[in-house]
C-alpha atoms as a PDB file:
ATOM      1  CA  MET A   1     290.887 148.482 211.168  1.00  0.00           C
ATOM      2  CA  GLU A   2     288.474 146.834 213.639  1.00  0.00           C
ATOM      3  CA  ARG A   3     286.059 144.723 211.578  1.00  0.00           C
ATOM      4  CA  GLN A   4     282.312 144.980 212.394  1.00  0.00           C
ATOM      5  CA  ILE A   5     279.736 142.467 211.322  1.00  0.00           C
ATOM      6  CA  TYR A   6     276.188 143.577 210.650  1.00  0.00           C
ATOM      7  CA  LEU A   7     274.211 142.072 207.901  1.00  0.00           C
ATOM      8  CA  GLU A   8     270.535 142.967 207.605  1.00  0.00           C
ATOM      9  CA  ASN A   9     267.810 141.036 205.914  1.00  0.00           C
ATOM     10  CA  LYS A  10     265.192 143.533 204.651  1.00  0.00           C
ATOM     11  CA  ALA A  11     263.107 143.029 201.537  1.00  0.00           C
ATOM     12  CA  TRP A  12     265.003 144.351 198.403  1.00  0.00           C
ATOM     13  CA  GLN A  13     261.967 146.652 197.726  1.00  0.00           C
ATOM     14  CA  GLU A  14     262.373 148.110 201.039  1.00  0.00           C
ATOM     15  CA  GLY A  15     266.097 148.631 200.428  1.00  0.00           C
ATOM     16  CA  LEU A  16     265.588 150.373 197.098  1.00  0.00           C
ATOM     17  CA  ALA A  17     262.720 152.579 198.540  1.00  0.00           C
ATOM     18  CA  LEU A  18     265.060 153.564 201.467  1.00  0.00           C
ATOM     19  CA  MET A  19     267.839 154.517 198.984  1.00  0.00           C
ATOM     20  CA  MET A  20     265.588 156.546 196.774  1.00  0.00           C
ATOM     21  CA  GLU A  21     264.106 158.476 199.831  1.00  0.00           C
ATOM     22  CA  LYS A  22     267.575 159.206 201.147  1.00  0.00           C
ATOM     23  CA  LEU A  23     268.680 160.411 197.714  1.00  0.00           C
ATOM     24  CA  ALA A  24     265.441 162.428 196.893  1.00  0.00           C
ATOM     25  CA  GLY A  25     266.124 165.955 196.128  1.00  0.00           C
ATOM     26  CA  ARG A  26     269.927 165.635 196.398  1.00  0.00           C
ATOM     27  CA  CYS A  27     271.017 163.824 193.259  1.00  0.00           C
ATOM     28  CA  ILE A  28     269.678 166.583 190.774  1.00  0.00           C
ATOM     29  CA  PRO A  29     270.403 165.678 187.015  1.00  0.00           C
ATOM     30  CA  LYS A  30     272.296 168.337 184.954  1.00  0.00           C
ATOM     31  CA  ASN A  31     271.563 168.987 181.339  1.00  0.00           C
ATOM     32  CA  GLU A  32     273.781 169.620 178.249  1.00  0.00           C
ATOM     33  CA  LEU A  33     273.032 170.704 174.701  1.00  0.00           C
ATOM     34  CA  VAL A  34     273.884 168.066 172.001  1.00  0.00           C
ATOM     35  CA  ASP A  35     273.601 167.822 168.244  1.00  0.00           C
ATOM     36  CA  VAL A  36     270.426 166.048 167.434  1.00  0.00           C
ATOM     37  CA  ARG A  37     272.298 163.822 164.825  1.00  0.00           C
ATOM     38  CA  LEU A  38     274.370 162.689 168.055  1.00  0.00           C
ATOM     39  CA  SER A  39     271.510 162.349 170.497  1.00  0.00           C
ATOM     40  CA  LEU A  40     270.481 158.741 169.957  1.00  0.00           C
ATOM     41  CA  HIS A  41     269.401 157.122 173.205  1.00  0.00           C
ATOM     42  CA  ARG A  42     269.875 160.258 175.218  1.00  0.00           C
ATOM     43  CA  ILE A  43     267.364 161.313 177.736  1.00  0.00           C
ATOM     44  CA  THR A  44     265.539 164.714 177.162  1.00  0.00           C
ATOM     45  CA  GLY A  45     266.111 167.171 179.823  1.00  0.00           C
ATOM     46  CA  THR A  46     263.120 169.470 178.977  1.00  0.00           C
ATOM     47  CA  ILE A  47     260.075 169.594 176.738  1.00  0.00           C
ATOM     48  CA  ILE A  48     261.125 169.868 173.178  1.00  0.00           C
ATOM     49  CA  ARG A  49     258.939 171.938 170.558  1.00  0.00           C
ATOM     50  CA  ALA A  50     259.049 172.277 166.982  1.00  0.00           C
ATOM     51  CA  LYS A  51     260.765 175.448 165.590  1.00  0.00           C
ATOM     52  CA  ARG A  52     258.892 175.103 162.265  1.00  0.00           C
ATOM     53  CA  SER A  53     256.137 173.413 160.533  1.00  0.00           C
ATOM     54  CA  SER A  54     256.600 170.284 158.448  1.00  0.00           C
ATOM     55  CA  PRO A  55     255.943 170.586 155.727  1.00  0.00           C
ATOM     56  CA  HIS A  56     256.542 174.261 155.691  1.00  0.00           C
ATOM     57  CA  PHE A  57     255.021 174.729 152.225  1.00  0.00           C
ATOM     58  CA  ALA A  58     251.991 173.291 150.534  1.00  0.00           C
ATOM     59  CA  ALA A  59     253.297 170.341 148.764  1.00  0.00           C
ATOM     60  CA  SER A  60     252.015 167.788 146.233  1.00  0.00           C
ATOM     61  CA  ALA A  61     251.046 164.556 147.863  1.00  0.00           C
ATOM     62  CA  MET A  62     251.077 162.759 144.409  1.00  0.00           C
ATOM     63  CA  ASP A  63     252.894 162.676 141.082  1.00  0.00           C
ATOM     64  CA  GLY A  64     250.395 164.472 138.660  1.00  0.00           C
ATOM     65  CA  TYR A  65     249.226 167.791 137.686  1.00  0.00           C
ATOM     66  CA  ALA A  66     248.430 170.888 139.870  1.00  0.00           C
ATOM     67  CA  ILE A  67     245.155 172.526 138.819  1.00  0.00           C
ATOM     68  CA  ARG A  68     242.490 174.828 140.038  1.00  0.00           C
ATOM     69  CA  ALA A  69     239.594 172.790 141.431  1.00  0.00           C
ATOM     70  CA  LYS A  70     237.067 175.208 140.121  1.00  0.00           C
ATOM     71  CA  ASP A  71     238.335 174.397 136.543  1.00  0.00           C
ATOM     72  CA  THR A  72     236.810 170.835 137.002  1.00  0.00           C
ATOM     73  CA  HIS A  73     233.261 171.656 138.288  1.00  0.00           C
ATOM     74  CA  GLY A  74     230.696 169.967 136.191  1.00  0.00           C
ATOM     75  CA  LEU A  75     233.021 167.313 134.717  1.00  0.00           C
ATOM     76  CA  SER A  76     231.694 163.837 134.015  1.00  0.00           C
ATOM     77  CA  GLU A  77     232.248 160.930 131.730  1.00  0.00           C
ATOM     78  CA  ARG A  78     229.759 162.465 129.219  1.00  0.00           C
ATOM     79  CA  GLU A  79     231.252 165.890 129.733  1.00  0.00           C
ATOM     80  CA  PRO A  80     235.092 165.639 129.935  1.00  0.00           C
ATOM     81  CA  ARG A  81     237.233 168.744 129.670  1.00  0.00           C
ATOM     82  CA  TRP A  82     240.647 169.586 128.512  1.00  0.00           C
ATOM     83  CA  LEU A  83     242.949 171.666 130.703  1.00  0.00           C
ATOM     84  CA  GLU A  84     245.780 173.530 129.132  1.00  0.00           C
ATOM     85  CA  LEU A  85     249.312 172.681 130.056  1.00  0.00           C
ATOM     86  CA  GLY A  86     251.345 175.356 131.651  1.00  0.00           C
ATOM     87  CA  VAL A  87     248.234 177.603 132.254  1.00  0.00           C
ATOM     88  CA  GLN A  88     245.449 175.377 133.841  1.00  0.00           C
ATOM     89  CA  ALA A  89     247.603 172.227 134.540  1.00  0.00           C
ATOM     90  CA  ILE A  90     251.186 172.210 135.744  1.00  0.00           C
ATOM     91  CA  GLN A  91     253.100 168.895 136.065  1.00  0.00           C
ATOM     92  CA  VAL A  92     254.220 168.189 139.628  1.00  0.00           C
ATOM     93  CA  ASP A  93     256.044 165.320 141.439  1.00  0.00           C
ATOM     94  CA  THR A  94     255.431 164.112 145.027  1.00  0.00           C
ATOM     95  CA  GLY A  95     256.833 166.632 147.396  1.00  0.00           C
ATOM     96  CA  ASP A  96     256.897 169.579 144.876  1.00  0.00           C
ATOM     97  CA  PRO A  97     255.501 172.999 146.123  1.00  0.00           C
ATOM     98  CA  ILE A  98     251.985 173.718 144.768  1.00  0.00           C
ATOM     99  CA  PRO A  99     252.335 176.392 142.027  1.00  0.00           C
ATOM    100  CA  GLU A 100     250.818 179.825 142.930  1.00  0.00           C
ATOM    101  CA  GLY A 101     247.211 179.948 142.148  1.00  0.00           C
ATOM    102  CA  MET A 102     246.761 176.152 142.213  1.00  0.00           C
ATOM    103  CA  ASP A 103     244.774 174.523 144.883  1.00  0.00           C
ATOM    104  CA  ALA A 104     244.545 170.717 143.973  1.00  0.00           C
ATOM    105  CA  VAL A 105     246.541 167.951 142.409  1.00  0.00           C
ATOM    106  CA  VAL A 106     245.156 165.337 139.885  1.00  0.00           C
ATOM    107  CA  MET A 107     247.004 162.034 139.931  1.00  0.00           C
ATOM    108  CA  LEU A 108     248.575 160.699 136.672  1.00  0.00           C
ATOM    109  CA  GLU A 109     246.314 157.704 136.926  1.00  0.00           C
ATOM    110  CA  ASP A 110     243.188 160.029 136.651  1.00  0.00           C
ATOM    111  CA  VAL A 111     244.264 161.775 133.631  1.00  0.00           C
ATOM    112  CA  LEU A 112     242.004 160.313 130.850  1.00  0.00           C
ATOM    113  CA  GLU A 113     244.380 161.490 127.923  1.00  0.00           C
ATOM    114  CA  LEU A 114     247.523 163.583 127.643  1.00  0.00           C
ATOM    115  CA  GLY A 115     247.849 165.499 124.332  1.00  0.00           C
ATOM    116  CA  GLU A 116     248.902 168.747 122.596  1.00  0.00           C
ATOM    117  CA  ARG A 117     245.910 170.367 124.051  1.00  0.00           C
ATOM    118  CA  GLY A 118     246.902 169.416 127.701  1.00  0.00           C
ATOM    119  CA  ILE A 119     245.263 166.946 129.852  1.00  0.00           C
ATOM    120  CA  LEU A 120     241.828 165.466 129.486  1.00  0.00           C
ATOM    121  CA  LEU A 121     239.905 164.923 132.805  1.00  0.00           C
ATOM    122  CA  GLN A 122     236.450 163.441 133.318  1.00  0.00           C
ATOM    123  CA  ALA A 123     235.865 163.830 137.020  1.00  0.00           C
ATOM    124  CA  PRO A 124     235.574 166.943 139.247  1.00  0.00           C
ATOM    125  CA  VAL A 125     238.231 167.522 141.912  1.00  0.00           C
ATOM    126  CA  VAL A 126     237.618 169.305 145.234  1.00  0.00           C
ATOM    127  CA  PRO A 127     240.001 171.910 146.575  1.00  0.00           C
ATOM    128  CA  TRP A 128     243.276 170.710 148.250  1.00  0.00           C
ATOM    129  CA  ASN A 129     242.670 167.299 146.877  1.00  0.00           C
ATOM    130  CA  ASN A 130     246.081 165.352 146.994  1.00  0.00           C
ATOM    131  CA  VAL A 131     247.886 168.437 148.654  1.00  0.00           C
ATOM    132  CA  ARG A 132     249.879 168.275 151.754  1.00  0.00           C
ATOM    133  CA  PRO A 133     248.983 171.475 153.724  1.00  0.00           C
ATOM    134  CA  VAL A 134     251.536 173.386 155.743  1.00  0.00           C
ATOM    135  CA  GLY A 135     251.986 171.668 159.274  1.00  0.00           C
ATOM    136  CA  GLU A 136     250.384 168.479 158.152  1.00  0.00           C
ATOM    137  CA  ASP A 137     252.935 166.377 159.963  1.00  0.00           C
ATOM    138  CA  ILE A 138     254.265 168.952 162.480  1.00  0.00           C
ATOM    139  CA  VAL A 139     252.983 172.362 163.493  1.00  0.00           C
ATOM    140  CA  GLU A 140     255.455 174.999 164.634  1.00  0.00           C
ATOM    141  CA  GLY A 141     255.437 175.222 168.414  1.00  0.00           C
ATOM    142  CA  GLU A 142     253.825 171.825 169.042  1.00  0.00           C
ATOM    143  CA  VAL A 143     255.368 169.467 171.599  1.00  0.00           C
ATOM    144  CA  LEU A 144     257.533 166.878 169.802  1.00  0.00           C
ATOM    145  CA  LEU A 145     259.089 165.061 172.846  1.00  0.00           C
ATOM    146  CA  PRO A 146     258.255 165.222 176.474  1.00  0.00           C
ATOM    147  CA  ILE A 147     260.924 165.435 179.241  1.00  0.00           C
ATOM    148  CA  HIS A 148     262.644 162.236 180.433  1.00  0.00           C
ATOM    149  CA  HIS A 149     262.198 160.701 177.028  1.00  0.00           C
ATOM    150  CA  ARG A 150     264.786 158.136 175.512  1.00  0.00           C
ATOM    151  CA  ILE A 151     265.386 159.561 172.084  1.00  0.00           C
ATOM    152  CA  ARG A 152     264.881 157.191 169.095  1.00  0.00           C
ATOM    153  CA  PRO A 153     265.878 157.195 165.479  1.00  0.00           C
ATOM    154  CA  GLN A 154     262.520 158.258 164.327  1.00  0.00           C
ATOM    155  CA  ASP A 155     262.581 161.102 166.948  1.00  0.00           C
ATOM    156  CA  GLN A 156     265.698 162.417 165.474  1.00  0.00           C
ATOM    157  CA  GLY A 157     264.092 162.567 162.096  1.00  0.00           C
ATOM    158  CA  ALA A 158     261.044 164.483 163.468  1.00  0.00           C
ATOM    159  CA  LEU A 159     263.397 166.912 165.246  1.00  0.00           C
ATOM    160  CA  LEU A 160     265.457 167.751 162.212  1.00  0.00           C
ATOM    161  CA  ALA A 161     262.385 168.034 160.115  1.00  0.00           C
ATOM    162  CA  ALA A 162     260.932 170.473 162.732  1.00  0.00           C
ATOM    163  CA  GLY A 163     264.065 172.727 162.533  1.00  0.00           C
ATOM    164  CA  VAL A 164     265.570 171.399 165.934  1.00  0.00           C
ATOM    165  CA  LEU A 165     269.264 171.041 165.407  1.00  0.00           C
ATOM    166  CA  LYS A 166     270.327 170.791 168.990  1.00  0.00           C
ATOM    167  CA  VAL A 167     268.458 169.177 171.979  1.00  0.00           C
ATOM    168  CA  GLU A 168     268.722 169.574 175.734  1.00  0.00           C
ATOM    169  CA  VAL A 169     269.412 166.298 177.403  1.00  0.00           C
ATOM    170  CA  ARG A 170     270.552 164.808 180.587  1.00  0.00           C
ATOM    171  CA  CYS A 171     274.186 164.608 181.249  1.00  0.00           C
ATOM    172  CA  LYS A 172     275.281 160.911 181.324  1.00  0.00           C
ATOM    173  CA  PRO A 173     275.984 160.051 185.080  1.00  0.00           C
ATOM    174  CA  LYS A 174     279.496 159.099 185.447  1.00  0.00           C
ATOM    175  CA  VAL A 175     279.797 155.767 187.207  1.00  0.00           C
ATOM    176  CA  GLY A 176     283.056 154.661 188.848  1.00  0.00           C
ATOM    177  CA  ILE A 177     283.488 150.926 189.025  1.00  0.00           C
ATOM    178  CA  LEU A 178     285.979 149.664 191.549  1.00  0.00           C
ATOM    179  CA  PRO A 179     286.893 145.919 191.404  1.00  0.00           C
ATOM    180  CA  THR A 180     288.435 144.700 194.760  1.00  0.00           C
ATOM    181  CA  GLY A 181     290.124 141.602 196.065  1.00  0.00           C
ATOM    182  CA  ASP A 182     293.554 140.017 196.552  1.00  0.00           C
ATOM    183  CA  GLU A 183     292.644 137.114 194.167  1.00  0.00           C
ATOM    184  CA  ILE A 184     291.078 139.240 191.452  1.00  0.00           C
ATOM    185  CA  ARG A 185     293.173 139.400 188.149  1.00  0.00           C
ATOM    186  CA  PRO A 186     292.659 141.326 184.825  1.00  0.00           C
ATOM    187  CA  PRO A 187     291.291 139.168 181.995  1.00  0.00           C
ATOM    188  CA  GLU A 188     294.566 139.060 180.077  1.00  0.00           C
ATOM    189  CA  ALA A 189     296.522 137.687 183.259  1.00  0.00           C
ATOM    190  CA  LEU A 190     298.042 134.257 183.405  1.00  0.00           C
ATOM    191  CA  LEU A 191     296.011 132.646 186.103  1.00  0.00           C
ATOM    192  CA  GLN A 192     297.293 130.844 189.068  1.00  0.00           C
ATOM    193  CA  VAL A 193     295.351 128.373 191.509  1.00  0.00           C
ATOM    194  CA  GLY A 194     293.077 130.688 193.427  1.00  0.00           C
ATOM    195  CA  ASP A 195     293.118 133.586 191.039  1.00  0.00           C
ATOM    196  CA  ILE A 196     289.740 134.904 189.642  1.00  0.00           C
ATOM    197  CA  VAL A 197     289.189 136.835 186.536  1.00  0.00           C
ATOM    198  CA  ASP A 198     287.646 140.262 186.832  1.00  0.00           C
ATOM    199  CA  SER A 199     284.716 139.860 184.502  1.00  0.00           C
ATOM    200  CA  ASN A 200     282.235 141.807 186.644  1.00  0.00           C
ATOM    201  CA  SER A 201     283.738 145.140 185.907  1.00  0.00           C
ATOM    202  CA  THR A 202     283.043 144.792 182.087  1.00  0.00           C
ATOM    203  CA  VAL A 203     279.523 143.479 182.611  1.00  0.00           C
ATOM    204  CA  LEU A 204     278.740 146.285 184.900  1.00  0.00           C
ATOM    205  CA  ALA A 205     280.262 148.918 182.657  1.00  0.00           C
ATOM    206  CA  SER A 206     278.272 147.686 179.678  1.00  0.00           C
ATOM    207  CA  LEU A 207     275.050 147.616 181.648  1.00  0.00           C
ATOM    208  CA  VAL A 208     275.747 151.288 182.819  1.00  0.00           C
ATOM    209  CA  GLU A 209     276.403 152.233 179.169  1.00  0.00           C
ATOM    210  CA  GLU A 210     273.167 150.402 178.148  1.00  0.00           C
ATOM    211  CA  TRP A 211     271.154 152.393 180.855  1.00  0.00           C
ATOM    212  CA  GLY A 212     272.460 155.653 179.697  1.00  0.00           C
ATOM    213  CA  GLY A 213     275.408 156.335 181.960  1.00  0.00           C
ATOM    214  CA  SER A 214     279.218 156.761 181.296  1.00  0.00           C
ATOM    215  CA  ALA A 215     281.281 153.933 182.987  1.00  0.00           C
ATOM    216  CA  THR A 216     284.858 154.209 184.203  1.00  0.00           C
ATOM    217  CA  ILE A 217     286.615 151.004 185.460  1.00  0.00           C
ATOM    218  CA  TRP A 218     289.224 151.745 188.155  1.00  0.00           C
ATOM    219  CA  PRO A 219     292.256 149.524 188.705  1.00  0.00           C
ATOM    220  CA  ILE A 220     291.876 146.351 190.734  1.00  0.00           C
ATOM    221  CA  THR A 221     292.394 147.122 194.456  1.00  0.00           C
ATOM    222  CA  PRO A 222     293.602 144.549 196.931  1.00  0.00           C
ATOM    223  CA  ASP A 223     291.843 143.982 200.348  1.00  0.00           C
ATOM    224  CA  GLN A 224     293.897 146.503 202.123  1.00  0.00           C
ATOM    225  CA  PRO A 225     291.931 149.249 204.047  1.00  0.00           C
ATOM    226  CA  LYS A 226     294.327 151.980 203.128  1.00  0.00           C
ATOM    227  CA  GLN A 227     294.412 151.248 199.565  1.00  0.00           C
ATOM    228  CA  LEU A 228     290.618 150.766 199.438  1.00  0.00           C
ATOM    229  CA  GLU A 229     290.137 154.027 201.207  1.00  0.00           C
ATOM    230  CA  GLU A 230     292.248 155.856 198.764  1.00  0.00           C
ATOM    231  CA  ALA A 231     290.680 154.418 195.717  1.00  0.00           C
ATOM    232  CA  ILE A 232     287.283 155.023 196.956  1.00  0.00           C
ATOM    233  CA  LEU A 233     287.939 158.621 197.980  1.00  0.00           C
ATOM    234  CA  LYS A 234     289.418 159.275 194.587  1.00  0.00           C
ATOM    235  CA  MET A 235     286.497 157.977 192.765  1.00  0.00           C
ATOM    236  CA  ALA A 236     284.239 159.855 194.867  1.00  0.00           C
ATOM    237  CA  ALA A 237     286.066 163.077 193.760  1.00  0.00           C
ATOM    238  CA  SER A 238     285.284 162.690 190.153  1.00  0.00           C
ATOM    239  CA  GLN A 239     282.306 160.288 189.833  1.00  0.00           C
ATOM    240  CA  ASP A 240     278.507 160.706 190.261  1.00  0.00           C
ATOM    241  CA  ILE A 241     277.846 157.108 191.343  1.00  0.00           C
ATOM    242  CA  LEU A 242     280.314 154.688 193.077  1.00  0.00           C
ATOM    243  CA  VAL A 243     280.136 150.947 192.440  1.00  0.00           C
ATOM    244  CA  ILE A 244     282.388 148.795 194.646  1.00  0.00           C
ATOM    245  CA  ILE A 245     282.622 145.161 193.519  1.00  0.00           C
ATOM    246  CA  ALA A 246     283.078 142.433 196.288  1.00  0.00           C
ATOM    247  CA  GLY A 247     284.197 143.069 200.022  1.00  0.00           C
ATOM    248  CA  SER A 248     280.477 143.580 200.825  1.00  0.00           C
ATOM    249  CA  SER A 249     279.983 140.438 202.752  1.00  0.00           C
ATOM    250  CA  GLN A 250     281.108 139.555 206.230  1.00  0.00           C
ATOM    251  CA  GLY A 251     284.482 137.675 205.543  1.00  0.00           C
ATOM    252  CA  ARG A 252     287.779 138.694 207.089  1.00  0.00           C
ATOM    253  CA  ASP A 253     288.662 140.836 204.154  1.00  0.00           C
ATOM    254  CA  ASP A 254     285.360 142.471 203.605  1.00  0.00           C
ATOM    255  CA  TYR A 255     285.614 146.272 204.190  1.00  0.00           C
ATOM    256  CA  THR A 256     283.075 147.756 201.871  1.00  0.00           C
ATOM    257  CA  SER A 257     280.267 148.612 204.337  1.00  0.00           C
ATOM    258  CA  GLN A 258     282.829 150.025 206.754  1.00  0.00           C
ATOM    259  CA  MET A 259     284.361 152.332 204.170  1.00  0.00           C
ATOM    260  CA  ILE A 260     280.977 153.661 203.168  1.00  0.00           C
ATOM    261  CA  GLU A 261     280.247 154.309 206.754  1.00  0.00           C
ATOM    262  CA  LYS A 262     283.406 155.998 207.468  1.00  0.00           C
ATOM    263  CA  HIS A 263     283.302 158.328 204.635  1.00  0.00           C
ATOM    264  CA  GLY A 264     279.421 158.892 204.324  1.00  0.00           C
ATOM    265  CA  THR A 265     276.273 157.116 205.326  1.00  0.00           C
ATOM    266  CA  LEU A 266     275.487 153.382 205.156  1.00  0.00           C
ATOM    267  CA  TYR A 267     271.804 153.066 204.399  1.00  0.00           C
ATOM    268  CA  LEU A 268     271.509 149.375 204.413  1.00  0.00           C
ATOM    269  CA  HIS A 269     273.678 146.266 204.586  1.00  0.00           C
ATOM    270  CA  GLY A 270     271.921 143.162 203.383  1.00  0.00           C
ATOM    271  CA  VAL A 271     268.745 142.371 201.755  1.00  0.00           C
ATOM    272  CA  ALA A 272     266.570 139.250 201.682  1.00  0.00           C
ATOM    273  CA  ILE A 273     267.556 137.866 198.189  1.00  0.00           C
ATOM    274  CA  LYS A 274     269.645 135.229 196.990  1.00  0.00           C
ATOM    275  CA  PRO A 275     272.033 135.408 195.395  1.00  0.00           C
ATOM    276  CA  GLY A 276     272.955 138.957 196.379  1.00  0.00           C
ATOM    277  CA  LYS A 277     272.267 139.083 200.030  1.00  0.00           C
ATOM    278  CA  PRO A 278     275.403 141.085 201.043  1.00  0.00           C
ATOM    279  CA  VAL A 279     274.688 144.304 198.863  1.00  0.00           C
ATOM    280  CA  ALA A 280     275.499 147.459 200.740  1.00  0.00           C
ATOM    281  CA  LEU A 281     273.741 150.671 199.958  1.00  0.00           C
ATOM    282  CA  GLY A 282     274.778 154.231 200.946  1.00  0.00           C
ATOM    283  CA  GLU A 283     276.691 157.309 199.990  1.00  0.00           C
ATOM    284  CA  VAL A 284     280.331 158.496 200.134  1.00  0.00           C
ATOM    285  CA  GLN A 285     280.868 162.204 200.225  1.00  0.00           C
ATOM    286  CA  GLY A 286     277.129 162.639 198.906  1.00  0.00           C
ATOM    287  CA  LYS A 287     277.710 160.402 196.077  1.00  0.00           C
ATOM    288  CA  PRO A 288     275.366 157.228 195.626  1.00  0.00           C
ATOM    289  CA  THR A 289     277.325 154.136 196.553  1.00  0.00           C
ATOM    290  CA  VAL A 290     276.455 150.525 195.896  1.00  0.00           C
ATOM    291  CA  GLY A 291     278.565 147.646 197.335  1.00  0.00           C
ATOM    292  CA  ILE A 292     277.929 144.886 194.993  1.00  0.00           C
ATOM    293  CA  PRO A 293     278.744 141.201 195.858  1.00  0.00           C
ATOM    294  CA  GLY A 294     281.681 139.554 193.743  1.00  0.00           C
ATOM    295  CA  TYR A 295     279.708 136.523 192.641  1.00  0.00           C
ATOM    296  CA  PRO A 296     278.853 137.320 188.941  1.00  0.00           C
ATOM    297  CA  VAL A 297     275.203 136.257 189.373  1.00  0.00           C
ATOM    298  CA  SER A 298     274.946 138.338 192.449  1.00  0.00           C
ATOM    299  CA  SER A 299     276.669 141.305 190.744  1.00  0.00           C
ATOM    300  CA  PHE A 300     274.301 141.177 187.801  1.00  0.00           C
ATOM    301  CA  LEU A 301     271.231 140.811 189.788  1.00  0.00           C
ATOM    302  CA  THR A 302     272.061 143.513 192.343  1.00  0.00           C
ATOM    303  CA  ALA A 303     273.059 145.914 189.756  1.00  0.00           C
ATOM    304  CA  HIS A 304     269.610 145.543 188.030  1.00  0.00           C
ATOM    305  CA  LEU A 305     267.830 145.900 191.348  1.00  0.00           C
ATOM    306  CA  PHE A 306     269.686 148.863 192.867  1.00  0.00           C
ATOM    307  CA  LEU A 307     272.185 150.556 190.268  1.00  0.00           C
ATOM    308  CA  GLU A 308     269.859 150.736 187.399  1.00  0.00           C
ATOM    309  CA  PRO A 309     267.099 152.779 189.168  1.00  0.00           C
END
């Protein structure tokens, strides 16, 4: 395979903007339905609305006694009044439904005396005092989460409280990571002089998972055009995004940019950053493709600049 040398020197912002422009309208995310209890850190694929109010019944906000507010009109320290238990005053705990006919709750601390006659009060109470009305936290039909929102633990709680058991989220992009190089060895290998451990694949895979994707590390592939070509095409057939580690510079065994150009489009080869200059941006069979330099710091930096977006 004839080797071509072309290494540009554009600003990384320009390179990113070019890649996004080329991919605009083509890489459309898909949605899937998942159980809310398994939705942590997933990205919402649509606006999510409440299916029921919370609370869905009038509830006591305090431990005390449910009463009718009108039964306390005119009370004062000089004119306290007994309310009959079970008739005019019904004991409730926080969260209990308000008994039918009652419209307020007196806190235990506000009861002057508890006896056989009932409870003795010395201050008037207004309607709905210490009562949580229907929909105080969430109203049926209201927007709970916007689209493109990363679901947090508190979001899961709100969704479940609002009767949402399944949520529509973005499918995780499948990211294929291909480590390349004659000198690259798996971490468990016994190293010889000149061998280099493949740490980049694990770092990149973890970053992908952290960013909301699903990473697959492909077998280490030597710097042989035919083998590289087969591996890249195999990856393109099953993955949404392709990452090719190393082979993006201009050495005698660097073929990444040529492979991208041969089976797709090379948007850019080389940006004005150090480390990370040899990054290659393009697409292979319509799949966004990033050729990432093999030096670990370059790999980490260029992944943040071009793969994460």
